[in-house]
Amino acid sequence: MKLVPAVFMYSFLVVSVHAQNWPSFRGHNASGVADGQSPPASWDAGKSVNILWKTPIPGLGHSSPVVWGDRLFITTAISSADGSQFVHGLTETSASAADTSKHSFRVYCLDKKTGRIVWERVAHEGVPKVKRHVKASHANSTPATDGRHLVVLFGSEGLYCYDLDGKLLWKHDLGLLDGGWSPAPNTHWGFGSSPVIYKNLVIVQCDSQTDSFIAAYNIKDGKRVWHVPRGEDTSWSTPVIYEGKARAELVTSGTKFYRAYDPLTGKELWSLSDGIDVKIPTPVAAHELFFLGGGSSHVRRVFYAIRAGATGEIKPADEAASKAKIAWSSPIIKPHVVTPIVYGNYLYICTDNGILTQFNAKTGEPSFRARLGSGGAFSASPVAADGKLYFASEDGEVFVIKAGPEFELLSRNPMGEVLMATPAITEKMIIVRGQHHVFGIGEKAKGVQ
C-alpha cells in the first residue's frame, strides 16, 4: 500500500476546511473562491430542480450567509410596519426609506443540510438610529465566524459576539454610524461594512459622515485592542486581510484614501490618495496584488493593482517612484456596487447593469466583454468554484459562466424572488439568499423528488 506523506495530508485538510467553511463575506479572505466543493451549475427554484431546501426568513436583510461545519448563520431586521419601503433595480435615487418603526434585529442559525432553524436570537429591538437607503436593509453586514465565535454587526445598533450555540458572549455600542453622501449630509443610507476576524481579533471598518474609524477587539472578551481614526467620509466597503511572505496587511477602501494597516496593531503601512466618494466594493487580494476600485459612477475613476508589501504614500502621478508599488492601473475598469473577483489568471468586473468584462489580472489587458441577461440590475458580488463563476441578479436569476479566456454562459437559474445578497459555497452546495427565503442548492440524488 502506498503511504501518503503527512505534509500532503495536512495541506489537503487545510484546503478542504477553508473551502467547506464559508466564514465571512465572500468566504476565506473575501476571495469568493471555493474550489473543490463542486456546487451545481443549474437548478430551478420554481420547479424544485436541485433545490435541497428552502427556508423563509422574515424581515429585510442583504447580509450573506456564512457557514461553519453543518451550521449556517444569517441576519435580518424585521420592521413592525406593514410594507416597509424597499425598491430594487436600476435606480439613481438617493432617497432614504420612509420607515421609522420599531425593528427587531435578529440572528438565525440553520442546519446546512436541511435548512431547519436551529436557533434564533434577538440582538436588539428599537427604532433604528439612522435611516437606510430604499435599496438597502438594516442588516447589510455579513457575519463572521472562526468556528467558536459568531460576530454580527448591525451598524449603529451595535456589534455582537455569540458562541455557535447562540449564547451572547459580549456586545459593543460603536456609536452613531450615519452612512450618507457627504455633499448632501441630510441623506441617510445606512451601514454596509462587514466584520472580519484575524487571529484573536474582530476588526470593523466604520466609515461614517462623522468620526470614522477602524478598530480591533479581542474576540474572547470584546476588549478594544486598538482604535485608529480614519478621517474618511462614508464608505460601505469591507476590509480584507492578506497574509504575505513578509507580513499581513489589512487593506481598506475609503472615500479619500485606500489604506493598508498592520492588523495586529492598527499601524498604517501605506496609503493611496483617491478622493472618489461612494465606495462600496471590497478590495481583492490575489497574485500578491491588491485590486482597488469603486466610487461614484458620475466621476472619472482609476482602478489600481497595488503590489503587496508597499510602504508609505503611493503617488500615481510620480511614475518613477510608484512603479515598484503599482503593477498597473486603468481608467476603463469601473466597478460601482459589485465587488470584482479574481479567478485563476483573470479579473472579472460586473457593472450594476450586468456588463461583464474580463481582464488579465497581472497586466490589466482586457479579453472579453459580454452582457449578463438583458440589462437587469446587479448588487450581489460573484463567487466561483471548479471552473465556474456565479453572478446573482436583483431580478432573481443566477447566471453561471465558464471560467476561461472566452465568454461562455452555462446556465440561467431562476430563483423566483429578488436577490441582493452574495451567495456562499460549501460541500457541493451553493447557498442563495433571496428577499424572503434562503435556498440550499445542490444536485439531488437520482430518484429523489
Protein backbone atom coordinates (compact mmCIF):
# COMPACT_ATOMS: atom_id res chain seq x y z
CA MET A 1 0.00 0.00 0.00
CA LYS A 2 1.34 3.41 -0.95
CA LEU A 3 1.67 5.76 2.00
CA VAL A 4 0.55 9.38 1.69
CA PRO A 5 3.06 11.88 3.16
CA ALA A 6 1.79 13.60 6.30
CA VAL A 7 2.61 17.05 4.90
CA PHE A 8 0.43 16.37 1.85
CA MET A 9 -2.45 15.16 4.01
CA TYR A 10 -2.19 18.24 6.24
CA SER A 11 -2.22 20.57 3.23
CA PHE A 12 -5.21 18.74 1.79
CA LEU A 13 -7.12 19.03 5.07
CA VAL A 14 -6.35 22.76 5.38
CA VAL A 15 -7.60 23.43 1.83
CA SER A 16 -10.71 21.29 2.45
CA VAL A 17 -11.57 23.10 5.69
CA HIS A 18 -11.12 26.51 4.06
CA ALA A 19 -13.40 25.51 1.18
CA GLN A 20 -16.03 23.68 3.26
CA ASN A 21 -16.38 26.61 5.64
CA TRP A 22 -17.50 29.98 4.31
CA PRO A 23 -16.62 32.09 7.36
CA SER A 24 -17.27 35.68 6.26
CA PHE A 25 -18.26 37.91 3.36
CA ARG A 26 -17.16 36.10 0.17
CA GLY A 27 -15.62 33.25 2.13
CA HIS A 28 -12.00 32.87 3.15
CA ASN A 29 -10.25 36.28 2.97
CA ALA A 30 -13.15 37.59 0.85
CA SER A 31 -11.76 35.83 -2.23
CA GLY A 32 -15.12 34.44 -3.33
CA VAL A 33 -13.39 31.21 -4.42
CA ALA A 34 -14.16 27.69 -3.16
CA ASP A 35 -12.52 25.19 -5.49
CA GLY A 36 -13.07 21.53 -4.72
CA GLN A 37 -16.65 21.96 -3.47
CA SER A 38 -18.41 21.10 -6.77
CA PRO A 39 -21.59 23.19 -6.49
CA PRO A 40 -24.19 22.58 -9.21
CA ALA A 41 -24.25 24.58 -12.42
CA SER A 42 -28.02 24.51 -12.96
CA TRP A 43 -31.24 24.50 -10.94
CA ASP A 44 -34.77 25.93 -10.94
CA ALA A 45 -36.38 27.14 -7.72
CA GLY A 46 -39.88 27.27 -9.20
CA LYS A 47 -39.74 23.63 -10.30
CA SER A 48 -37.69 22.48 -7.26
CA VAL A 49 -34.92 21.23 -9.54
CA ASN A 50 -31.79 20.75 -7.37
CA ILE A 51 -33.40 22.70 -4.53
CA LEU A 52 -32.48 20.74 -1.40
CA TRP A 53 -34.37 23.04 0.95
CA LYS A 54 -35.99 26.47 1.12
CA THR A 55 -36.34 28.28 4.44
CA PRO A 56 -38.32 31.52 4.94
CA ILE A 57 -36.53 34.31 6.82
CA PRO A 58 -38.71 37.22 8.00
CA GLY A 59 -37.79 40.86 7.63
CA LEU A 60 -35.37 42.50 5.25
CA GLY A 61 -31.68 41.64 5.10
CA HIS A 62 -28.96 41.79 2.46
CA SER A 63 -26.28 40.12 4.56
CA SER A 64 -24.78 36.98 3.08
CA PRO A 65 -24.99 33.56 4.71
CA VAL A 66 -21.85 32.25 6.40
CA VAL A 67 -21.12 28.57 7.04
CA TRP A 68 -19.11 26.61 9.57
CA GLY A 69 -19.39 22.83 9.55
CA ASP A 70 -23.07 21.91 9.27
CA ARG A 71 -24.31 25.26 10.54
CA LEU A 72 -25.32 28.32 8.54
CA PHE A 73 -25.77 31.80 10.02
CA ILE A 74 -27.67 34.80 8.71
CA THR A 75 -29.06 38.12 10.00
CA THR A 76 -32.17 40.16 9.36
CA ALA A 77 -34.03 43.27 10.56
CA ILE A 78 -37.78 42.93 11.00
CA SER A 79 -39.87 46.09 10.78
CA SER A 80 -43.06 46.38 12.81
CA ALA A 81 -44.60 48.42 9.97
CA ASP A 82 -46.60 46.79 7.21
CA GLY A 83 -44.96 47.02 3.79
CA SER A 84 -41.66 48.59 4.83
CA GLN A 85 -40.34 50.53 1.84
CA PHE A 86 -37.87 48.69 -0.41
CA VAL A 87 -37.06 49.13 -4.10
CA HIS A 88 -34.72 47.25 -6.37
CA GLY A 89 -33.49 47.60 -9.92
CA LEU A 90 -31.51 50.25 -11.76
CA THR A 91 -32.29 53.44 -9.91
CA GLU A 92 -30.38 56.66 -9.37
CA THR A 93 -32.38 57.69 -6.33
CA SER A 94 -30.67 58.93 -3.18
CA ALA A 95 -33.84 58.55 -1.12
CA SER A 96 -33.94 57.12 2.36
CA ALA A 97 -36.60 54.58 3.27
CA ALA A 98 -39.63 56.08 4.99
CA ASP A 99 -39.76 53.61 7.87
CA THR A 100 -39.24 54.86 11.43
CA SER A 101 -40.97 51.90 13.06
CA LYS A 102 -39.57 49.67 15.77
CA HIS A 103 -37.30 46.93 14.36
CA SER A 104 -36.18 43.58 15.69
CA PHE A 105 -32.55 42.84 14.77
CA ARG A 106 -32.12 39.07 14.68
CA VAL A 107 -29.60 36.30 14.11
CA TYR A 108 -30.57 32.89 12.75
CA CYS A 109 -28.70 29.60 12.82
CA LEU A 110 -29.80 26.98 10.27
CA ASP A 111 -28.84 23.37 9.68
CA LYS A 112 -26.90 23.46 6.42
CA LYS A 113 -28.10 20.04 5.30
CA THR A 114 -31.83 20.54 5.90
CA GLY A 115 -32.47 24.29 6.24
CA ARG A 116 -34.07 23.70 9.66
CA ILE A 117 -33.79 26.69 12.01
CA VAL A 118 -31.60 25.53 14.92
CA TRP A 119 -31.83 28.73 16.96
CA GLU A 120 -32.87 32.36 16.70
CA ARG A 121 -31.67 35.32 18.78
CA VAL A 122 -32.87 38.91 19.10
CA ALA A 123 -29.75 41.08 19.28
CA HIS A 124 -31.59 44.38 19.65
CA GLU A 125 -35.04 45.93 19.40
CA GLY A 126 -35.88 49.57 18.81
CA VAL A 127 -36.32 52.29 16.23
CA PRO A 128 -33.19 52.34 14.01
CA LYS A 129 -30.88 55.20 14.94
CA VAL A 130 -30.29 56.13 11.28
CA LYS A 131 -32.33 55.67 8.13
CA ARG A 132 -31.37 53.31 5.33
CA HIS A 133 -31.35 53.71 1.56
CA VAL A 134 -34.51 52.46 -0.15
CA LYS A 135 -32.43 49.69 -1.79
CA ALA A 136 -30.68 48.74 1.43
CA SER A 137 -31.65 46.99 4.65
CA HIS A 138 -30.77 47.42 8.31
CA ALA A 139 -28.99 44.05 8.10
CA ASN A 140 -26.47 44.60 5.31
CA SER A 141 -23.35 43.42 7.14
CA THR A 142 -22.41 39.76 6.72
CA PRO A 143 -21.49 37.90 9.94
CA ALA A 144 -18.06 36.34 10.53
CA THR A 145 -17.10 33.18 12.38
CA ASP A 146 -13.94 31.32 13.38
CA GLY A 147 -15.73 28.13 14.34
CA ARG A 148 -16.04 29.12 18.01
CA HIS A 149 -17.41 32.65 17.84
CA LEU A 150 -20.04 34.29 15.65
CA VAL A 151 -19.69 38.06 15.19
CA VAL A 152 -22.58 40.12 13.83
CA LEU A 153 -22.67 43.84 13.13
CA PHE A 154 -25.85 45.90 12.93
CA GLY A 155 -24.16 49.28 12.43
CA SER A 156 -25.48 51.88 14.88
CA GLU A 157 -27.35 49.10 16.70
CA GLY A 158 -24.09 47.50 17.77
CA LEU A 159 -21.51 44.74 17.45
CA TYR A 160 -22.38 41.35 18.98
CA CYS A 161 -20.43 38.18 19.61
CA TYR A 162 -22.12 34.80 20.21
CA ASP A 163 -20.88 31.27 20.54
CA LEU A 164 -22.17 28.87 17.88
CA ASP A 165 -24.99 27.73 20.17
CA GLY A 166 -26.35 31.27 20.37
CA LYS A 167 -25.01 32.34 23.76
CA LEU A 168 -24.21 36.07 23.81
CA LEU A 169 -20.58 36.49 24.87
CA TRP A 170 -20.22 40.25 24.58
CA LYS A 171 -21.50 43.30 22.73
CA HIS A 172 -20.36 46.84 21.91
CA ASP A 173 -22.10 50.09 21.08
CA LEU A 174 -19.97 51.55 18.27
CA GLY A 175 -21.76 54.88 18.34
CA LEU A 176 -23.81 56.58 15.64
CA LEU A 177 -22.66 55.27 12.25
CA ASP A 178 -24.51 57.67 9.96
CA GLY A 179 -23.90 56.49 6.42
CA GLY A 180 -24.78 59.02 3.77
CA TRP A 181 -23.46 61.17 0.94
CA SER A 182 -21.14 63.95 2.14
CA PRO A 183 -22.30 66.56 -0.47
CA ALA A 184 -25.80 66.13 0.94
CA PRO A 185 -25.33 65.41 4.67
CA ASN A 186 -29.05 65.01 5.30
CA THR A 187 -29.07 61.84 3.21
CA HIS A 188 -29.06 58.63 5.25
CA TRP A 189 -28.16 55.36 3.55
CA GLY A 190 -27.31 53.04 6.43
CA PHE A 191 -24.29 50.86 7.18
CA GLY A 192 -22.74 48.16 4.98
CA SER A 193 -19.23 47.11 6.00
CA SER A 194 -18.86 43.58 7.40
CA PRO A 195 -16.62 42.48 10.30
CA VAL A 196 -13.53 40.36 9.72
CA ILE A 197 -11.77 38.00 12.11
CA TYR A 198 -7.98 37.77 12.19
CA LYS A 199 -6.30 35.53 14.75
CA ASN A 200 -7.84 36.64 18.08
CA LEU A 201 -9.19 39.95 16.76
CA VAL A 202 -12.52 41.21 15.45
CA ILE A 203 -11.85 44.13 13.08
CA VAL A 204 -14.51 46.63 11.99
CA GLN A 205 -14.25 49.46 9.47
CA CYS A 206 -16.69 52.20 10.46
CA ASP A 207 -16.65 54.97 7.85
CA SER A 208 -19.42 57.45 8.58
CA GLN A 209 -20.30 61.08 7.91
CA THR A 210 -18.55 61.92 11.20
CA ASP A 211 -15.82 60.32 13.33
CA SER A 212 -14.84 57.48 11.00
CA PHE A 213 -12.55 54.85 12.49
CA ILE A 214 -11.20 51.34 12.20
CA ALA A 215 -10.83 49.24 15.34
CA ALA A 216 -9.98 45.78 16.64
CA TYR A 217 -11.49 43.94 19.60
CA ASN A 218 -10.36 40.83 21.41
CA ILE A 219 -12.69 38.08 20.23
CA LYS A 220 -12.74 36.35 23.62
CA ASP A 221 -13.88 39.21 25.83
CA GLY A 222 -14.64 42.14 23.49
CA LYS A 223 -11.98 44.42 24.95
CA ARG A 224 -10.69 47.00 22.49
CA VAL A 225 -7.14 46.25 21.34
CA TRP A 226 -6.58 49.21 19.02
CA HIS A 227 -8.55 52.12 17.52
CA VAL A 228 -7.45 54.35 14.63
CA PRO A 229 -9.36 57.46 13.43
CA ARG A 230 -9.64 57.47 9.63
CA GLY A 231 -10.75 60.99 8.74
CA GLU A 232 -12.91 59.48 6.00
CA ASP A 233 -16.38 60.16 4.70
CA THR A 234 -18.89 57.33 4.46
CA SER A 235 -17.99 54.11 2.69
CA TRP A 236 -19.70 50.72 2.65
CA SER A 237 -16.63 48.63 1.85
CA THR A 238 -15.47 45.63 3.89
CA PRO A 239 -11.71 45.39 4.63
CA VAL A 240 -9.69 42.38 3.50
CA ILE A 241 -6.78 40.54 5.15
CA TYR A 242 -3.80 39.41 3.08
CA GLU A 243 -1.05 37.29 4.63
CA GLY A 244 2.07 37.82 2.52
CA LYS A 245 5.53 36.37 2.76
CA ALA A 246 6.85 39.16 4.96
CA ARG A 247 3.77 40.48 6.76
CA ALA A 248 -0.01 40.59 6.99
CA GLU A 249 -1.88 43.58 5.55
CA LEU A 250 -5.37 44.85 6.37
CA VAL A 251 -6.45 46.61 3.18
CA THR A 252 -9.28 49.16 3.17
CA SER A 253 -11.14 51.25 0.62
CA GLY A 254 -12.20 54.76 1.61
CA THR A 255 -13.55 57.90 0.04
CA LYS A 256 -10.29 59.81 0.49
CA PHE A 257 -7.66 57.05 0.58
CA TYR A 258 -7.02 53.41 0.00
CA ARG A 259 -5.02 52.32 3.04
CA ALA A 260 -3.32 49.25 4.49
CA TYR A 261 -2.76 48.63 8.19
CA ASP A 262 -0.95 46.13 10.34
CA PRO A 263 -3.95 44.07 11.51
CA LEU A 264 -2.38 43.35 14.91
CA THR A 265 -1.60 46.96 15.84
CA GLY A 266 -3.52 49.29 13.51
CA LYS A 267 -0.29 50.94 12.30
CA GLU A 268 -0.71 52.37 8.81
CA LEU A 269 1.54 50.64 6.26
CA TRP A 270 0.72 52.54 3.06
CA SER A 271 -1.84 54.90 1.57
CA LEU A 272 -3.03 55.93 -1.88
CA SER A 273 -4.98 59.16 -2.29
CA ASP A 274 -8.15 58.69 -4.32
CA GLY A 275 -10.84 61.23 -3.38
CA ILE A 276 -13.76 59.42 -5.04
CA ASP A 277 -16.90 59.13 -2.93
CA VAL A 278 -19.46 56.31 -2.52
CA LYS A 279 -17.00 53.42 -2.12
CA ILE A 280 -18.73 50.04 -1.93
CA PRO A 281 -16.60 47.20 -3.41
CA THR A 282 -14.28 45.27 -1.12
CA PRO A 283 -10.57 45.21 -2.04
CA VAL A 284 -9.50 41.94 -3.66
CA ALA A 285 -6.18 40.24 -2.87
CA ALA A 286 -4.67 37.78 -5.37
CA HIS A 287 -1.34 37.14 -7.11
CA GLU A 288 0.41 39.29 -4.46
CA LEU A 289 -1.63 42.24 -5.73
CA PHE A 290 -4.45 44.33 -4.26
CA PHE A 291 -7.19 45.22 -6.74
CA LEU A 292 -8.76 48.54 -5.75
CA GLY A 293 -11.67 50.34 -7.35
CA GLY A 294 -15.14 51.75 -6.88
CA GLY A 295 -16.85 55.04 -6.27
CA SER A 296 -19.48 57.29 -7.73
CA SER A 297 -20.37 56.44 -11.32
CA HIS A 298 -20.56 60.13 -12.27
CA VAL A 299 -16.86 60.97 -11.92
CA ARG A 300 -13.62 59.87 -13.53
CA ARG A 301 -12.14 56.93 -11.66
CA VAL A 302 -8.97 54.88 -11.80
CA PHE A 303 -8.68 51.19 -10.94
CA TYR A 304 -5.39 50.11 -9.33
CA ALA A 305 -3.46 46.88 -8.91
CA ILE A 306 -1.09 47.59 -6.00
CA ARG A 307 1.79 45.29 -5.13
CA ALA A 308 1.68 43.67 -1.70
CA GLY A 309 4.38 44.86 0.67
CA ALA A 310 4.27 48.53 -0.36
CA THR A 311 5.17 51.18 2.21
CA GLY A 312 4.48 54.89 2.68
CA GLU A 313 2.44 57.11 0.41
CA ILE A 314 1.82 55.80 -3.10
CA LYS A 315 1.79 58.63 -5.65
CA PRO A 316 0.48 57.55 -9.08
CA ALA A 317 1.47 60.89 -10.62
CA ASP A 318 5.11 60.16 -9.83
CA GLU A 319 5.56 57.23 -12.21
CA ALA A 320 9.19 56.62 -11.36
CA ALA A 321 8.55 56.48 -7.63
CA SER A 322 5.35 54.44 -7.88
CA LYS A 323 6.49 51.87 -10.44
CA ALA A 324 7.61 49.42 -7.77
CA LYS A 325 4.29 49.79 -5.94
CA ILE A 326 1.69 49.95 -8.74
CA ALA A 327 1.62 46.91 -11.01
CA TRP A 328 -0.87 48.54 -13.37
CA SER A 329 -3.83 50.94 -13.39
CA SER A 330 -6.77 51.55 -15.69
CA PRO A 331 -9.41 54.29 -16.12
CA ILE A 332 -11.76 51.92 -18.01
CA ILE A 333 -12.37 49.45 -15.16
CA LYS A 334 -15.26 50.90 -13.14
CA PRO A 335 -16.91 48.70 -10.53
CA HIS A 336 -19.55 50.58 -8.57
CA VAL A 337 -21.53 48.24 -6.28
CA VAL A 338 -20.39 44.74 -7.22
CA THR A 339 -17.05 43.58 -5.77
CA PRO A 340 -14.78 42.17 -8.52
CA ILE A 341 -13.41 38.64 -8.41
CA VAL A 342 -10.04 37.22 -9.42
CA TYR A 343 -10.32 33.60 -10.52
CA GLY A 344 -7.24 31.95 -11.94
CA ASN A 345 -5.36 34.48 -14.02
CA TYR A 346 -8.43 36.59 -14.75
CA LEU A 347 -10.09 39.59 -13.16
CA TYR A 348 -13.87 39.79 -13.66
CA ILE A 349 -15.73 43.11 -13.37
CA CYS A 350 -19.54 43.25 -13.37
CA THR A 351 -21.30 46.60 -13.63
CA ASP A 352 -24.61 47.48 -11.97
CA ASN A 353 -26.44 46.69 -15.23
CA GLY A 354 -24.76 43.35 -15.88
CA ILE A 355 -21.94 44.24 -18.29
CA LEU A 356 -19.25 41.65 -17.55
CA THR A 357 -15.68 42.35 -18.58
CA GLN A 358 -12.67 40.09 -18.14
CA PHE A 359 -9.07 41.25 -17.78
CA ASN A 360 -5.69 39.66 -17.30
CA ALA A 361 -5.22 40.05 -13.55
CA LYS A 362 -1.47 40.52 -13.77
CA THR A 363 -1.40 43.05 -16.60
CA GLY A 364 -4.87 44.64 -16.84
CA GLU A 365 -5.19 43.66 -20.51
CA PRO A 366 -8.88 43.11 -21.47
CA SER A 367 -10.04 39.88 -23.05
CA PHE A 368 -13.84 39.74 -23.39
CA ARG A 369 -16.91 41.87 -22.75
CA ALA A 370 -20.45 40.47 -22.57
CA ARG A 371 -23.86 41.15 -21.07
CA LEU A 372 -25.48 39.00 -18.41
CA GLY A 373 -29.19 38.87 -19.17
CA SER A 374 -30.97 41.79 -20.77
CA GLY A 375 -29.92 44.77 -18.71
CA GLY A 376 -31.16 43.94 -15.22
CA ALA A 377 -29.58 45.21 -12.03
CA PHE A 378 -26.76 43.56 -10.05
CA SER A 379 -25.76 44.22 -6.43
CA ALA A 380 -24.53 40.82 -5.20
CA SER A 381 -20.87 40.01 -5.76
CA PRO A 382 -19.73 36.98 -7.78
CA VAL A 383 -18.37 33.73 -6.36
CA ALA A 384 -16.52 30.91 -8.08
CA ALA A 385 -15.70 27.21 -7.80
CA ASP A 386 -14.36 24.43 -10.01
CA GLY A 387 -14.17 26.36 -13.26
CA LYS A 388 -17.50 28.18 -12.87
CA LEU A 389 -18.46 31.70 -11.81
CA TYR A 390 -21.84 32.64 -10.32
CA PHE A 391 -23.48 36.07 -10.72
CA ALA A 392 -26.78 36.75 -8.88
CA SER A 393 -29.05 39.46 -10.31
CA GLU A 394 -31.55 41.59 -8.44
CA ASP A 395 -34.19 40.33 -10.88
CA GLY A 396 -33.94 36.86 -9.39
CA GLU A 397 -31.62 34.88 -11.66
CA VAL A 398 -28.19 33.38 -11.05
CA PHE A 399 -26.01 33.35 -14.17
CA VAL A 400 -23.29 30.71 -14.34
CA ILE A 401 -20.41 31.18 -16.75
CA LYS A 402 -17.44 29.03 -17.61
CA ALA A 403 -14.08 30.36 -16.47
CA GLY A 404 -11.63 30.95 -19.29
CA PRO A 405 -10.49 33.43 -21.92
CA GLU A 406 -13.81 33.41 -23.82
CA PHE A 407 -17.31 34.12 -22.59
CA GLU A 408 -19.48 31.02 -22.28
CA LEU A 409 -22.81 31.12 -20.46
CA LEU A 410 -23.53 27.73 -18.90
CA SER A 411 -26.94 28.43 -17.37
CA ARG A 412 -29.53 30.94 -16.16
CA ASN A 413 -31.14 29.79 -12.94
CA PRO A 414 -34.42 31.39 -11.80
CA MET A 415 -34.99 31.86 -8.07
CA GLY A 416 -38.43 33.47 -8.09
CA GLU A 417 -37.51 36.41 -5.83
CA VAL A 418 -35.21 39.41 -5.61
CA LEU A 419 -31.53 38.62 -4.97
CA MET A 420 -29.43 41.25 -3.20
CA ALA A 421 -27.04 39.10 -1.14
CA THR A 422 -23.83 37.41 -2.25
CA PRO A 423 -24.13 33.57 -2.26
CA ALA A 424 -22.00 31.14 -0.25
CA ILE A 425 -20.43 27.88 -1.46
CA THR A 426 -19.89 24.77 0.66
CA GLU A 427 -19.77 20.97 0.20
CA LYS A 428 -21.37 20.54 -3.23
CA MET A 429 -23.88 23.27 -2.41
CA ILE A 430 -24.44 26.90 -3.19
CA ILE A 431 -26.44 28.82 -0.59
CA VAL A 432 -28.51 31.65 -2.09
CA ARG A 433 -30.33 34.25 -0.03
CA GLY A 434 -33.38 35.80 -1.62
CA GLN A 435 -35.61 38.60 -0.39
CA HIS A 436 -37.82 36.15 1.52
CA HIS A 437 -36.01 32.80 1.68
CA VAL A 438 -32.64 31.12 1.98
CA PHE A 439 -32.13 28.31 -0.53
CA GLY A 440 -29.89 25.28 -0.19
CA ILE A 441 -28.99 24.25 -3.73
CA GLY A 442 -27.25 21.02 -4.68
CA GLU A 443 -27.65 18.10 -7.04
CA LYS A 444 -30.29 15.71 -5.77
CA ALA A 445 -29.64 12.00 -5.75
CA LYS A 446 -31.30 10.15 -8.62
CA GLY A 447 -34.92 9.33 -7.87
CA VAL A 448 -35.22 11.92 -5.09
CA GLN A 449 -38.09 14.40 -5.59
